[in-house]
Amino acid sequence: MTEADRRDVFRGLAHPLRRRVLRRLAEGERTVGQLLSDLDIALPTLSRHLLLLRETGLVSQRVQGPYRLYRLNKPAVRRMQQWATQIA
């Protein structure tokens, strides 16, 4: 994991709402609507956080018909975990 990767990952983890989104996605793929009801937040707020999580590589999205489905990018999370264990 490069220094830039670590910076991005920590940017993704920096906000408590993004950590909540990641915990929800760790349970499985979710639509935006499901995340909205799970987290009880406004769509523009969620959209901003999902964009940042996608930019950091922690989350990926796919389109299925009219839905955008989000899921945890497990390889990126594993790389983050491996790096974190090196400093523990």
PDB file of N, CA and C in Angstrom:
ATOM      1  N   MET A   1       0.857  -1.174   0.000  1.00  0.00           N
ATOM      2  CA  MET A   1       0.000   0.000   0.000  1.00  0.00           C
ATOM      3  C   MET A   1       0.898   1.231   0.000  1.00  0.00           C
ATOM      4  N   THR A   2       0.694   2.107  -0.944  1.00  0.00           N
ATOM      5  CA  THR A   2       1.521   3.304  -1.043  1.00  0.00           C
ATOM      6  C   THR A   2       1.080   4.351  -0.017  1.00  0.00           C
ATOM      7  N   GLU A   3       1.921   5.347   0.172  1.00  0.00           N
ATOM      8  CA  GLU A   3       1.583   6.439   1.097  1.00  0.00           C
ATOM      9  C   GLU A   3       0.299   7.142   0.656  1.00  0.00           C
ATOM     10  N   ALA A   4       0.153   7.334  -0.645  1.00  0.00           N
ATOM     11  CA  ALA A   4      -1.074   7.970  -1.159  1.00  0.00           C
ATOM     12  C   ALA A   4      -2.292   7.108  -0.854  1.00  0.00           C
ATOM     13  N   ASP A   5      -2.156   5.780  -0.976  1.00  0.00           N
ATOM     14  CA  ASP A   5      -3.265   4.881  -0.650  1.00  0.00           C
ATOM     15  C   ASP A   5      -3.657   5.014   0.816  1.00  0.00           C
ATOM     16  N   ARG A   6      -2.663   5.046   1.700  1.00  0.00           N
ATOM     17  CA  ARG A   6      -2.952   5.165   3.130  1.00  0.00           C
ATOM     18  C   ARG A   6      -3.646   6.491   3.432  1.00  0.00           C
ATOM     19  N   ARG A   7      -3.181   7.556   2.812  1.00  0.00           N
ATOM     20  CA  ARG A   7      -3.798   8.868   3.013  1.00  0.00           C
ATOM     21  C   ARG A   7      -5.265   8.824   2.577  1.00  0.00           C
ATOM     22  N   ASP A   8      -5.525   8.218   1.433  1.00  0.00           N
ATOM     23  CA  ASP A   8      -6.899   8.115   0.949  1.00  0.00           C
ATOM     24  C   ASP A   8      -7.763   7.285   1.884  1.00  0.00           C
ATOM     25  N   VAL A   9      -7.251   6.168   2.336  1.00  0.00           N
ATOM     26  CA  VAL A   9      -8.022   5.297   3.223  1.00  0.00           C
ATOM     27  C   VAL A   9      -8.361   6.033   4.509  1.00  0.00           C
ATOM     28  N   PHE A  10      -7.391   6.722   5.080  1.00  0.00           N
ATOM     29  CA  PHE A  10      -7.667   7.427   6.320  1.00  0.00           C
ATOM     30  C   PHE A  10      -8.614   8.598   6.106  1.00  0.00           C
ATOM     31  N   ARG A  11      -8.568   9.215   4.937  1.00  0.00           N
ATOM     32  CA  ARG A  11      -9.547  10.248   4.608  1.00  0.00           C
ATOM     33  C   ARG A  11     -10.947   9.625   4.583  1.00  0.00           C
ATOM     34  N   GLY A  12     -11.038   8.428   4.033  1.00  0.00           N
ATOM     35  CA  GLY A  12     -12.321   7.735   3.989  1.00  0.00           C
ATOM     36  C   GLY A  12     -12.844   7.362   5.361  1.00  0.00           C
ATOM     37  N   LEU A  13     -11.943   7.045   6.271  1.00  0.00           N
ATOM     38  CA  LEU A  13     -12.337   6.613   7.614  1.00  0.00           C
ATOM     39  C   LEU A  13     -12.505   7.770   8.591  1.00  0.00           C
ATOM     40  N   ALA A  14     -12.123   8.962   8.183  1.00  0.00           N
ATOM     41  CA  ALA A  14     -12.057  10.096   9.107  1.00  0.00           C
ATOM     42  C   ALA A  14     -13.417  10.532   9.661  1.00  0.00           C
ATOM     43  N   HIS A  15     -14.466  10.345   8.916  1.00  0.00           N
ATOM     44  CA  HIS A  15     -15.783  10.848   9.345  1.00  0.00           C
ATOM     45  C   HIS A  15     -16.622   9.711   9.920  1.00  0.00           C
ATOM     46  N   PRO A  16     -17.279   9.936  11.065  1.00  0.00           N
ATOM     47  CA  PRO A  16     -18.077   8.862  11.679  1.00  0.00           C
ATOM     48  C   PRO A  16     -19.200   8.341  10.777  1.00  0.00           C
ATOM     49  N   LEU A  17     -19.784   9.195   9.967  1.00  0.00           N
ATOM     50  CA  LEU A  17     -20.850   8.731   9.073  1.00  0.00           C
ATOM     51  C   LEU A  17     -20.293   7.764   8.032  1.00  0.00           C
ATOM     52  N   ARG A  18     -19.112   8.049   7.511  1.00  0.00           N
ATOM     53  CA  ARG A  18     -18.514   7.123   6.536  1.00  0.00           C
ATOM     54  C   ARG A  18     -18.191   5.787   7.190  1.00  0.00           C
ATOM     55  N   ARG A  19     -17.782   5.807   8.439  1.00  0.00           N
ATOM     56  CA  ARG A  19     -17.528   4.538   9.133  1.00  0.00           C
ATOM     57  C   ARG A  19     -18.835   3.765   9.307  1.00  0.00           C
ATOM     58  N   ARG A  20     -19.939   4.460   9.573  1.00  0.00           N
ATOM     59  CA  ARG A  20     -21.247   3.790   9.668  1.00  0.00           C
ATOM     60  C   ARG A  20     -21.641   3.176   8.332  1.00  0.00           C
ATOM     61  N   VAL A  21     -21.406   3.910   7.247  1.00  0.00           N
ATOM     62  CA  VAL A  21     -21.706   3.389   5.911  1.00  0.00           C
ATOM     63  C   VAL A  21     -20.881   2.129   5.664  1.00  0.00           C
ATOM     64  N   LEU A  22     -19.608   2.162   6.000  1.00  0.00           N
ATOM     65  CA  LEU A  22     -18.749   0.989   5.792  1.00  0.00           C
ATOM     66  C   LEU A  22     -19.233  -0.208   6.608  1.00  0.00           C
ATOM     67  N   ARG A  23     -19.666   0.038   7.834  1.00  0.00           N
ATOM     68  CA  ARG A  23     -20.201  -1.075   8.650  1.00  0.00           C
ATOM     69  C   ARG A  23     -21.443  -1.670   8.011  1.00  0.00           C
ATOM     70  N   ARG A  24     -22.323  -0.824   7.477  1.00  0.00           N
ATOM     71  CA  ARG A  24     -23.523  -1.333   6.800  1.00  0.00           C
ATOM     72  C   ARG A  24     -23.135  -2.146   5.569  1.00  0.00           C
ATOM     73  N   LEU A  25     -22.181  -1.651   4.816  1.00  0.00           N
ATOM     74  CA  LEU A  25     -21.773  -2.354   3.599  1.00  0.00           C
ATOM     75  C   LEU A  25     -20.999  -3.631   3.913  1.00  0.00           C
ATOM     76  N   ALA A  26     -20.402  -3.709   5.082  1.00  0.00           N
ATOM     77  CA  ALA A  26     -19.733  -4.953   5.485  1.00  0.00           C
ATOM     78  C   ALA A  26     -20.748  -6.078   5.656  1.00  0.00           C
ATOM     79  N   GLU A  27     -22.010  -5.714   5.902  1.00  0.00           N
ATOM     80  CA  GLU A  27     -23.084  -6.703   6.043  1.00  0.00           C
ATOM     81  C   GLU A  27     -23.586  -7.178   4.683  1.00  0.00           C
ATOM     82  N   GLY A  28     -23.257  -6.448   3.626  1.00  0.00           N
ATOM     83  CA  GLY A  28     -23.693  -6.827   2.291  1.00  0.00           C
ATOM     84  C   GLY A  28     -23.998  -5.610   1.434  1.00  0.00           C
ATOM     85  N   GLU A  29     -24.178  -5.874   0.164  1.00  0.00           N
ATOM     86  CA  GLU A  29     -24.457  -4.826  -0.814  1.00  0.00           C
ATOM     87  C   GLU A  29     -25.764  -4.116  -0.467  1.00  0.00           C
ATOM     88  N   ARG A  30     -25.786  -2.802  -0.686  1.00  0.00           N
ATOM     89  CA  ARG A  30     -26.970  -2.004  -0.378  1.00  0.00           C
ATOM     90  C   ARG A  30     -27.240  -1.003  -1.498  1.00  0.00           C
ATOM     91  N   THR A  31     -28.510  -0.722  -1.708  1.00  0.00           N
ATOM     92  CA  THR A  31     -28.883   0.374  -2.611  1.00  0.00           C
ATOM     93  C   THR A  31     -28.774   1.679  -1.821  1.00  0.00           C
ATOM     94  N   VAL A  32     -28.810   2.775  -2.540  1.00  0.00           N
ATOM     95  CA  VAL A  32     -28.800   4.081  -1.886  1.00  0.00           C
ATOM     96  C   VAL A  32     -30.016   4.201  -0.967  1.00  0.00           C
ATOM     97  N   GLY A  33     -31.179   3.749  -1.441  1.00  0.00           N
ATOM     98  CA  GLY A  33     -32.388   3.810  -0.619  1.00  0.00           C
ATOM     99  C   GLY A  33     -32.257   3.026   0.668  1.00  0.00           C
ATOM    100  N   GLN A  34     -31.651   1.854   0.594  1.00  0.00           N
ATOM    101  CA  GLN A  34     -31.451   1.053   1.805  1.00  0.00           C
ATOM    102  C   GLN A  34     -30.508   1.758   2.768  1.00  0.00           C
ATOM    103  N   LEU A  35     -29.442   2.332   2.232  1.00  0.00           N
ATOM    104  CA  LEU A  35     -28.513   3.059   3.097  1.00  0.00           C
ATOM    105  C   LEU A  35     -29.195   4.262   3.732  1.00  0.00           C
ATOM    106  N   LEU A  36     -30.016   4.956   2.959  1.00  0.00           N
ATOM    107  CA  LEU A  36     -30.723   6.112   3.506  1.00  0.00           C
ATOM    108  C   LEU A  36     -31.614   5.706   4.670  1.00  0.00           C
ATOM    109  N   SER A  37     -32.349   4.607   4.522  1.00  0.00           N
ATOM    110  CA  SER A  37     -33.243   4.193   5.608  1.00  0.00           C
ATOM    111  C   SER A  37     -32.464   3.628   6.792  1.00  0.00           C
ATOM    112  N   ASP A  38     -31.333   2.946   6.516  1.00  0.00           N
ATOM    113  CA  ASP A  38     -30.493   2.420   7.603  1.00  0.00           C
ATOM    114  C   ASP A  38     -29.879   3.542   8.420  1.00  0.00           C
ATOM    115  N   LEU A  39     -29.500   4.629   7.758  1.00  0.00           N
ATOM    116  CA  LEU A  39     -28.723   5.685   8.404  1.00  0.00           C
ATOM    117  C   LEU A  39     -29.525   6.925   8.750  1.00  0.00           C
ATOM    118  N   ASP A  40     -30.732   7.054   8.198  1.00  0.00           N
ATOM    119  CA  ASP A  40     -31.607   8.186   8.482  1.00  0.00           C
ATOM    120  C   ASP A  40     -30.902   9.525   8.249  1.00  0.00           C
ATOM    121  N   ILE A  41     -30.389   9.702   7.024  1.00  0.00           N
ATOM    122  CA  ILE A  41     -29.733  10.943   6.627  1.00  0.00           C
ATOM    123  C   ILE A  41     -30.302  11.398   5.287  1.00  0.00           C
ATOM    124  N   ALA A  42     -29.967  12.598   4.878  1.00  0.00           N
ATOM    125  CA  ALA A  42     -30.464  13.154   3.612  1.00  0.00           C
ATOM    126  C   ALA A  42     -29.642  12.625   2.438  1.00  0.00           C
ATOM    127  N   LEU A  43     -30.284  12.512   1.289  1.00  0.00           N
ATOM    128  CA  LEU A  43     -29.620  12.011   0.087  1.00  0.00           C
ATOM    129  C   LEU A  43     -28.362  12.800  -0.287  1.00  0.00           C
ATOM    130  N   PRO A  44     -28.391  14.131  -0.307  1.00  0.00           N
ATOM    131  CA  PRO A  44     -27.163  14.853  -0.677  1.00  0.00           C
ATOM    132  C   PRO A  44     -25.989  14.561   0.263  1.00  0.00           C
ATOM    133  N   THR A  45     -26.280  14.402   1.534  1.00  0.00           N
ATOM    134  CA  THR A  45     -25.235  14.077   2.510  1.00  0.00           C
ATOM    135  C   THR A  45     -24.646  12.707   2.207  1.00  0.00           C
ATOM    136  N   LEU A  46     -25.509  11.720   2.015  1.00  0.00           N
ATOM    137  CA  LEU A  46     -25.039  10.376   1.702  1.00  0.00           C
ATOM    138  C   LEU A  46     -24.266  10.365   0.392  1.00  0.00           C
ATOM    139  N   SER A  47     -24.752  11.063  -0.604  1.00  0.00           N
ATOM    140  CA  SER A  47     -24.076  11.090  -1.909  1.00  0.00           C
ATOM    141  C   SER A  47     -22.652  11.606  -1.788  1.00  0.00           C
ATOM    142  N   ARG A  48     -22.461  12.676  -1.027  1.00  0.00           N
ATOM    143  CA  ARG A  48     -21.104  13.226  -0.839  1.00  0.00           C
ATOM    144  C   ARG A  48     -20.181  12.207  -0.185  1.00  0.00           C
ATOM    145  N   HIS A  49     -20.690  11.518   0.831  1.00  0.00           N
ATOM    146  CA  HIS A  49     -19.867  10.546   1.539  1.00  0.00           C
ATOM    147  C   HIS A  49     -19.584   9.314   0.674  1.00  0.00           C
ATOM    148  N   LEU A  50     -20.565   8.864  -0.082  1.00  0.00           N
ATOM    149  CA  LEU A  50     -20.338   7.725  -0.976  1.00  0.00           C
ATOM    150  C   LEU A  50     -19.325   8.068  -2.060  1.00  0.00           C
ATOM    151  N   LEU A  51     -19.381   9.272  -2.575  1.00  0.00           N
ATOM    152  CA  LEU A  51     -18.404   9.701  -3.578  1.00  0.00           C
ATOM    153  C   LEU A  51     -16.994   9.641  -3.004  1.00  0.00           C
ATOM    154  N   LEU A  52     -16.811  10.170  -1.818  1.00  0.00           N
ATOM    155  CA  LEU A  52     -15.489  10.140  -1.204  1.00  0.00           C
ATOM    156  C   LEU A  52     -15.038   8.697  -0.953  1.00  0.00           C
ATOM    157  N   LEU A  53     -15.936   7.846  -0.491  1.00  0.00           N
ATOM    158  CA  LEU A  53     -15.579   6.443  -0.250  1.00  0.00           C
ATOM    159  C   LEU A  53     -15.209   5.738  -1.551  1.00  0.00           C
ATOM    160  N   ARG A  54     -15.871   6.083  -2.641  1.00  0.00           N
ATOM    161  CA  ARG A  54     -15.504   5.509  -3.941  1.00  0.00           C
ATOM    162  C   ARG A  54     -14.143   6.029  -4.378  1.00  0.00           C
ATOM    163  N   GLU A  55     -13.902   7.315  -4.174  1.00  0.00           N
ATOM    164  CA  GLU A  55     -12.612   7.903  -4.556  1.00  0.00           C
ATOM    165  C   GLU A  55     -11.453   7.288  -3.776  1.00  0.00           C
ATOM    166  N   THR A  56     -11.688   6.933  -2.528  1.00  0.00           N
ATOM    167  CA  THR A  56     -10.630   6.319  -1.717  1.00  0.00           C
ATOM    168  C   THR A  56     -10.459   4.834  -2.029  1.00  0.00           C
ATOM    169  N   GLY A  57     -11.406   4.264  -2.771  1.00  0.00           N
ATOM    170  CA  GLY A  57     -11.313   2.858  -3.127  1.00  0.00           C
ATOM    171  C   GLY A  57     -11.888   1.905  -2.101  1.00  0.00           C
ATOM    172  N   LEU A  58     -12.471   2.430  -1.037  1.00  0.00           N
ATOM    173  CA  LEU A  58     -13.037   1.553  -0.009  1.00  0.00           C
ATOM    174  C   LEU A  58     -14.391   0.979  -0.404  1.00  0.00           C
ATOM    175  N   VAL A  59     -15.070   1.640  -1.331  1.00  0.00           N
ATOM    176  CA  VAL A  59     -16.412   1.236  -1.758  1.00  0.00           C
ATOM    177  C   VAL A  59     -16.464   1.235  -3.277  1.00  0.00           C
ATOM    178  N   SER A  60     -17.207   0.287  -3.820  1.00  0.00           N
ATOM    179  CA  SER A  60     -17.450   0.279  -5.265  1.00  0.00           C
ATOM    180  C   SER A  60     -18.956   0.324  -5.496  1.00  0.00           C
ATOM    181  N   GLN A  61     -19.313   0.686  -6.714  1.00  0.00           N
ATOM    182  CA  GLN A  61     -20.728   0.785  -7.054  1.00  0.00           C
ATOM    183  C   GLN A  61     -20.969   0.070  -8.377  1.00  0.00           C
ATOM    184  N   ARG A  62     -22.173  -0.436  -8.517  1.00  0.00           N
ATOM    185  CA  ARG A  62     -22.597  -0.983  -9.800  1.00  0.00           C
ATOM    186  C   ARG A  62     -24.031  -0.544 -10.028  1.00  0.00           C
ATOM    187  N   VAL A  63     -24.392  -0.472 -11.283  1.00  0.00           N
ATOM    188  CA  VAL A  63     -25.754  -0.067 -11.646  1.00  0.00           C
ATOM    189  C   VAL A  63     -26.508  -1.309 -12.078  1.00  0.00           C
ATOM    190  N   GLN A  64     -27.684  -1.486 -11.514  1.00  0.00           N
ATOM    191  CA  GLN A  64     -28.558  -2.587 -11.887  1.00  0.00           C
ATOM    192  C   GLN A  64     -29.937  -1.985 -12.138  1.00  0.00           C
ATOM    193  N   GLY A  65     -30.270  -1.844 -13.423  1.00  0.00           N
ATOM    194  CA  GLY A  65     -31.525  -1.180 -13.772  1.00  0.00           C
ATOM    195  C   GLY A  65     -31.506   0.239 -13.249  1.00  0.00           C
ATOM    196  N   PRO A  66     -32.550   0.623 -12.520  1.00  0.00           N
ATOM    197  CA  PRO A  66     -32.607   1.996 -12.013  1.00  0.00           C
ATOM    198  C   PRO A  66     -31.824   2.202 -10.703  1.00  0.00           C
ATOM    199  N   TYR A  67     -31.200   1.149 -10.191  1.00  0.00           N
ATOM    200  CA  TYR A  67     -30.568   1.211  -8.871  1.00  0.00           C
ATOM    201  C   TYR A  67     -29.050   1.304  -8.963  1.00  0.00           C
ATOM    202  N   ARG A  68     -28.483   2.030  -7.997  1.00  0.00           N
ATOM    203  CA  ARG A  68     -27.040   2.025  -7.787  1.00  0.00           C
ATOM    204  C   ARG A  68     -26.810   1.209  -6.530  1.00  0.00           C
ATOM    205  N   LEU A  69     -26.021   0.159  -6.673  1.00  0.00           N
ATOM    206  CA  LEU A  69     -25.734  -0.713  -5.535  1.00  0.00           C
ATOM    207  C   LEU A  69     -24.290  -0.491  -5.108  1.00  0.00           C
ATOM    208  N   TYR A  70     -24.108  -0.377  -3.810  1.00  0.00           N
ATOM    209  CA  TYR A  70     -22.784  -0.128  -3.239  1.00  0.00           C
ATOM    210  C   TYR A  70     -22.345  -1.340  -2.437  1.00  0.00           C
ATOM    211  N   ARG A  71     -21.041  -1.581  -2.495  1.00  0.00           N
ATOM    212  CA  ARG A  71     -20.490  -2.693  -1.707  1.00  0.00           C
ATOM    213  C   ARG A  71     -19.102  -2.315  -1.240  1.00  0.00           C
ATOM    214  N   LEU A  72     -18.696  -2.957  -0.178  1.00  0.00           N
ATOM    215  CA  LEU A  72     -17.369  -2.773   0.373  1.00  0.00           C
ATOM    216  C   LEU A  72     -16.353  -3.347  -0.600  1.00  0.00           C
ATOM    217  N   ASN A  73     -15.276  -2.636  -0.837  1.00  0.00           N
ATOM    218  CA  ASN A  73     -14.194  -3.132  -1.676  1.00  0.00           C
ATOM    219  C   ASN A  73     -13.258  -3.918  -0.759  1.00  0.00           C
ATOM    220  N   LYS A  74     -13.523  -5.199  -0.617  1.00  0.00           N
ATOM    221  CA  LYS A  74     -12.823  -6.018   0.372  1.00  0.00           C
ATOM    222  C   LYS A  74     -11.310  -6.070   0.166  1.00  0.00           C
ATOM    223  N   PRO A  75     -10.782  -6.143  -1.068  1.00  0.00           N
ATOM    224  CA  PRO A  75      -9.320  -6.117  -1.204  1.00  0.00           C
ATOM    225  C   PRO A  75      -8.699  -4.840  -0.631  1.00  0.00           C
ATOM    226  N   ALA A  76      -9.344  -3.700  -0.828  1.00  0.00           N
ATOM    227  CA  ALA A  76      -8.816  -2.446  -0.282  1.00  0.00           C
ATOM    228  C   ALA A  76      -8.873  -2.458   1.241  1.00  0.00           C
ATOM    229  N   VAL A  77      -9.953  -2.998   1.797  1.00  0.00           N
ATOM    230  CA  VAL A  77     -10.083  -3.075   3.249  1.00  0.00           C
ATOM    231  C   VAL A  77      -9.027  -4.028   3.810  1.00  0.00           C
ATOM    232  N   ARG A  78      -8.785  -5.149   3.132  1.00  0.00           N
ATOM    233  CA  ARG A  78      -7.743  -6.085   3.579  1.00  0.00           C
ATOM    234  C   ARG A  78      -6.364  -5.424   3.569  1.00  0.00           C
ATOM    235  N   ARG A  79      -6.069  -4.657   2.504  1.00  0.00           N
ATOM    236  CA  ARG A  79      -4.772  -3.962   2.449  1.00  0.00           C
ATOM    237  C   ARG A  79      -4.638  -2.983   3.605  1.00  0.00           C
ATOM    238  N   MET A  80      -5.717  -2.287   3.922  1.00  0.00           N
ATOM    239  CA  MET A  80      -5.707  -1.353   5.044  1.00  0.00           C
ATOM    240  C   MET A  80      -5.464  -2.106   6.353  1.00  0.00           C
ATOM    241  N   GLN A  81      -6.136  -3.230   6.532  1.00  0.00           N
ATOM    242  CA  GLN A  81      -5.968  -4.020   7.749  1.00  0.00           C
ATOM    243  C   GLN A  81      -4.536  -4.537   7.870  1.00  0.00           C
ATOM    244  N   GLN A  82      -3.981  -5.001   6.765  1.00  0.00           N
ATOM    245  CA  GLN A  82      -2.599  -5.498   6.789  1.00  0.00           C
ATOM    246  C   GLN A  82      -1.638  -4.392   7.182  1.00  0.00           C
ATOM    247  N   TRP A  83      -1.834  -3.216   6.611  1.00  0.00           N
ATOM    248  CA  TRP A  83      -0.976  -2.101   6.955  1.00  0.00           C
ATOM    249  C   TRP A  83      -1.124  -1.738   8.427  1.00  0.00           C
ATOM    250  N   ALA A  84      -2.352  -1.713   8.926  1.00  0.00           N
ATOM    251  CA  ALA A  84      -2.593  -1.351  10.326  1.00  0.00           C
ATOM    252  C   ALA A  84      -1.936  -2.343  11.277  1.00  0.00           C
ATOM    253  N   THR A  85      -1.941  -3.618  10.918  1.00  0.00           N
ATOM    254  CA  THR A  85      -1.305  -4.618  11.798  1.00  0.00           C
ATOM    255  C   THR A  85       0.212  -4.458  11.823  1.00  0.00           C
ATOM    256  N   GLN A  86       0.778  -3.875  10.792  1.00  0.00           N
ATOM    257  CA  GLN A  86       2.230  -3.652  10.775  1.00  0.00           C
ATOM    258  C   GLN A  86       2.653  -2.601  11.797  1.00  0.00           C
ATOM    259  N   ILE A  87       1.747  -1.699  12.169  1.00  0.00           N
ATOM    260  CA  ILE A  87       2.125  -0.658  13.121  1.00  0.00           C
ATOM    261  C   ILE A  87       1.629  -0.959  14.529  1.00  0.00           C
ATOM    262  N   ALA A  88       0.850  -2.022  14.666  1.00  0.00           N
ATOM    263  CA  ALA A  88       0.295  -2.359  15.992  1.00  0.00           C
ATOM    264  C   ALA A  88       1.339  -3.043  16.850  1.00  0.00           C
TER     265      ALA A  88
END
